[in-house]
């Protein structure tokens, strides 16, 4: 039985991770995502600080090839102690 998904793969998929702003969160998130998507396009990474500047949201848009790939990325992100949430 195949797993149902609303996405057609491959597709462009934004992955967002949030954490404290006191570390180089963008480098950490890109390093984790690169384990699963080796070629991340230039301009695929955006960073936005929270209103008070304590937290940072990093978005990496990738060419996703499967639901399993996305699940693995999210698992690695949420397993890391510096990542507070992954969306």
Protein backbone atom coordinates (compact mmCIF):
# COMPACT_ATOMS: atom_id res chain seq x y z
CA UNK A 1 0.00 0.00 0.00
CA UNK A 2 1.39 3.40 -0.92
CA UNK A 3 1.25 6.29 1.49
CA UNK A 4 -1.15 9.05 0.46
CA UNK A 5 0.16 12.59 0.31
CA UNK A 6 -1.24 15.87 -0.95
CA UNK A 7 2.04 16.71 -2.67
CA UNK A 8 3.27 15.68 -6.08
CA UNK A 9 6.97 14.96 -5.96
CA UNK A 10 9.36 16.38 -6.85
CA UNK A 11 8.21 19.78 -5.63
CA UNK A 12 9.53 22.99 -4.10
CA UNK A 13 8.97 22.74 -0.36
CA UNK A 14 9.74 25.38 2.31
CA UNK A 15 11.11 23.99 5.57
CA UNK A 16 11.03 26.37 8.53
CA UNK A 17 12.96 25.94 11.76
CA UNK A 18 13.01 28.21 14.77
CA UNK A 19 15.52 28.59 17.56
CA UNK A 20 17.31 31.06 19.79
CA UNK A 21 18.98 33.92 17.96
CA UNK A 22 22.23 33.63 19.92
CA UNK A 23 23.71 30.91 17.68
CA UNK A 24 24.39 30.72 13.95
CA UNK A 25 21.06 29.02 13.45
CA UNK A 26 21.01 29.49 9.68
CA UNK A 27 24.25 27.50 9.28
CA UNK A 28 22.97 24.77 11.59
CA UNK A 29 19.65 24.40 9.76
CA UNK A 30 21.32 24.35 6.33
CA UNK A 31 23.82 21.74 7.54
CA UNK A 32 20.98 19.48 8.76
CA UNK A 33 18.88 19.93 5.60
CA UNK A 34 21.94 19.30 3.39
CA UNK A 35 22.22 15.77 4.82
CA UNK A 36 19.04 15.00 2.87
CA UNK A 37 19.17 17.55 0.03
CA UNK A 38 22.81 18.02 -1.02
CA UNK A 39 22.23 20.85 -3.50
CA UNK A 40 20.44 23.77 -1.91
CA UNK A 41 20.06 26.61 -4.41
CA UNK A 42 21.53 30.01 -3.79
CA UNK A 43 18.82 32.22 -2.35
CA UNK A 44 16.92 29.24 -0.94
CA UNK A 45 17.63 30.29 2.66
CA UNK A 46 15.92 33.18 4.40
CA UNK A 47 16.18 34.30 8.03
CA UNK A 48 13.77 36.39 10.07
CA UNK A 49 14.25 37.50 13.66
CA UNK A 50 11.34 37.53 16.09
CA UNK A 51 9.87 40.88 17.10
CA UNK A 52 11.97 41.06 20.27
CA UNK A 53 15.07 39.60 18.59
CA UNK A 54 15.42 36.60 20.94
CA UNK A 55 14.48 34.00 18.33
CA UNK A 56 15.22 33.40 14.66
CA UNK A 57 13.13 31.67 11.98
CA UNK A 58 15.11 30.06 9.17
CA UNK A 59 13.33 28.93 6.00
CA UNK A 60 15.07 26.66 3.50
CA UNK A 61 13.21 25.96 0.26
CA UNK A 62 14.27 22.61 -1.21
CA UNK A 63 13.41 20.40 -4.14
CA UNK A 64 11.71 17.60 -2.20
CA UNK A 65 11.70 14.17 -3.78
CA UNK A 66 9.48 12.22 -1.36
CA UNK A 67 7.47 12.32 1.85
CA UNK A 68 10.09 10.03 3.44
CA UNK A 69 12.79 12.60 2.64
CA UNK A 70 10.76 15.39 4.27
CA UNK A 71 10.00 13.20 7.30
CA UNK A 72 13.72 12.50 7.73
CA UNK A 73 14.58 16.22 7.51
CA UNK A 74 11.97 17.13 10.11
CA UNK A 75 13.12 14.30 12.39
CA UNK A 76 16.75 15.49 12.25
CA UNK A 77 15.70 19.10 12.86
CA UNK A 78 13.48 18.31 15.84
CA UNK A 79 16.14 15.98 17.31
CA UNK A 80 18.67 18.84 17.50
CA UNK A 81 18.70 20.63 20.89
CA UNK A 82 19.09 24.13 19.32
CA UNK A 83 15.99 23.73 17.14
CA UNK A 84 12.91 24.64 19.15
CA UNK A 85 10.33 23.93 16.44
CA UNK A 86 10.25 22.80 12.82
CA UNK A 87 7.31 23.53 10.52
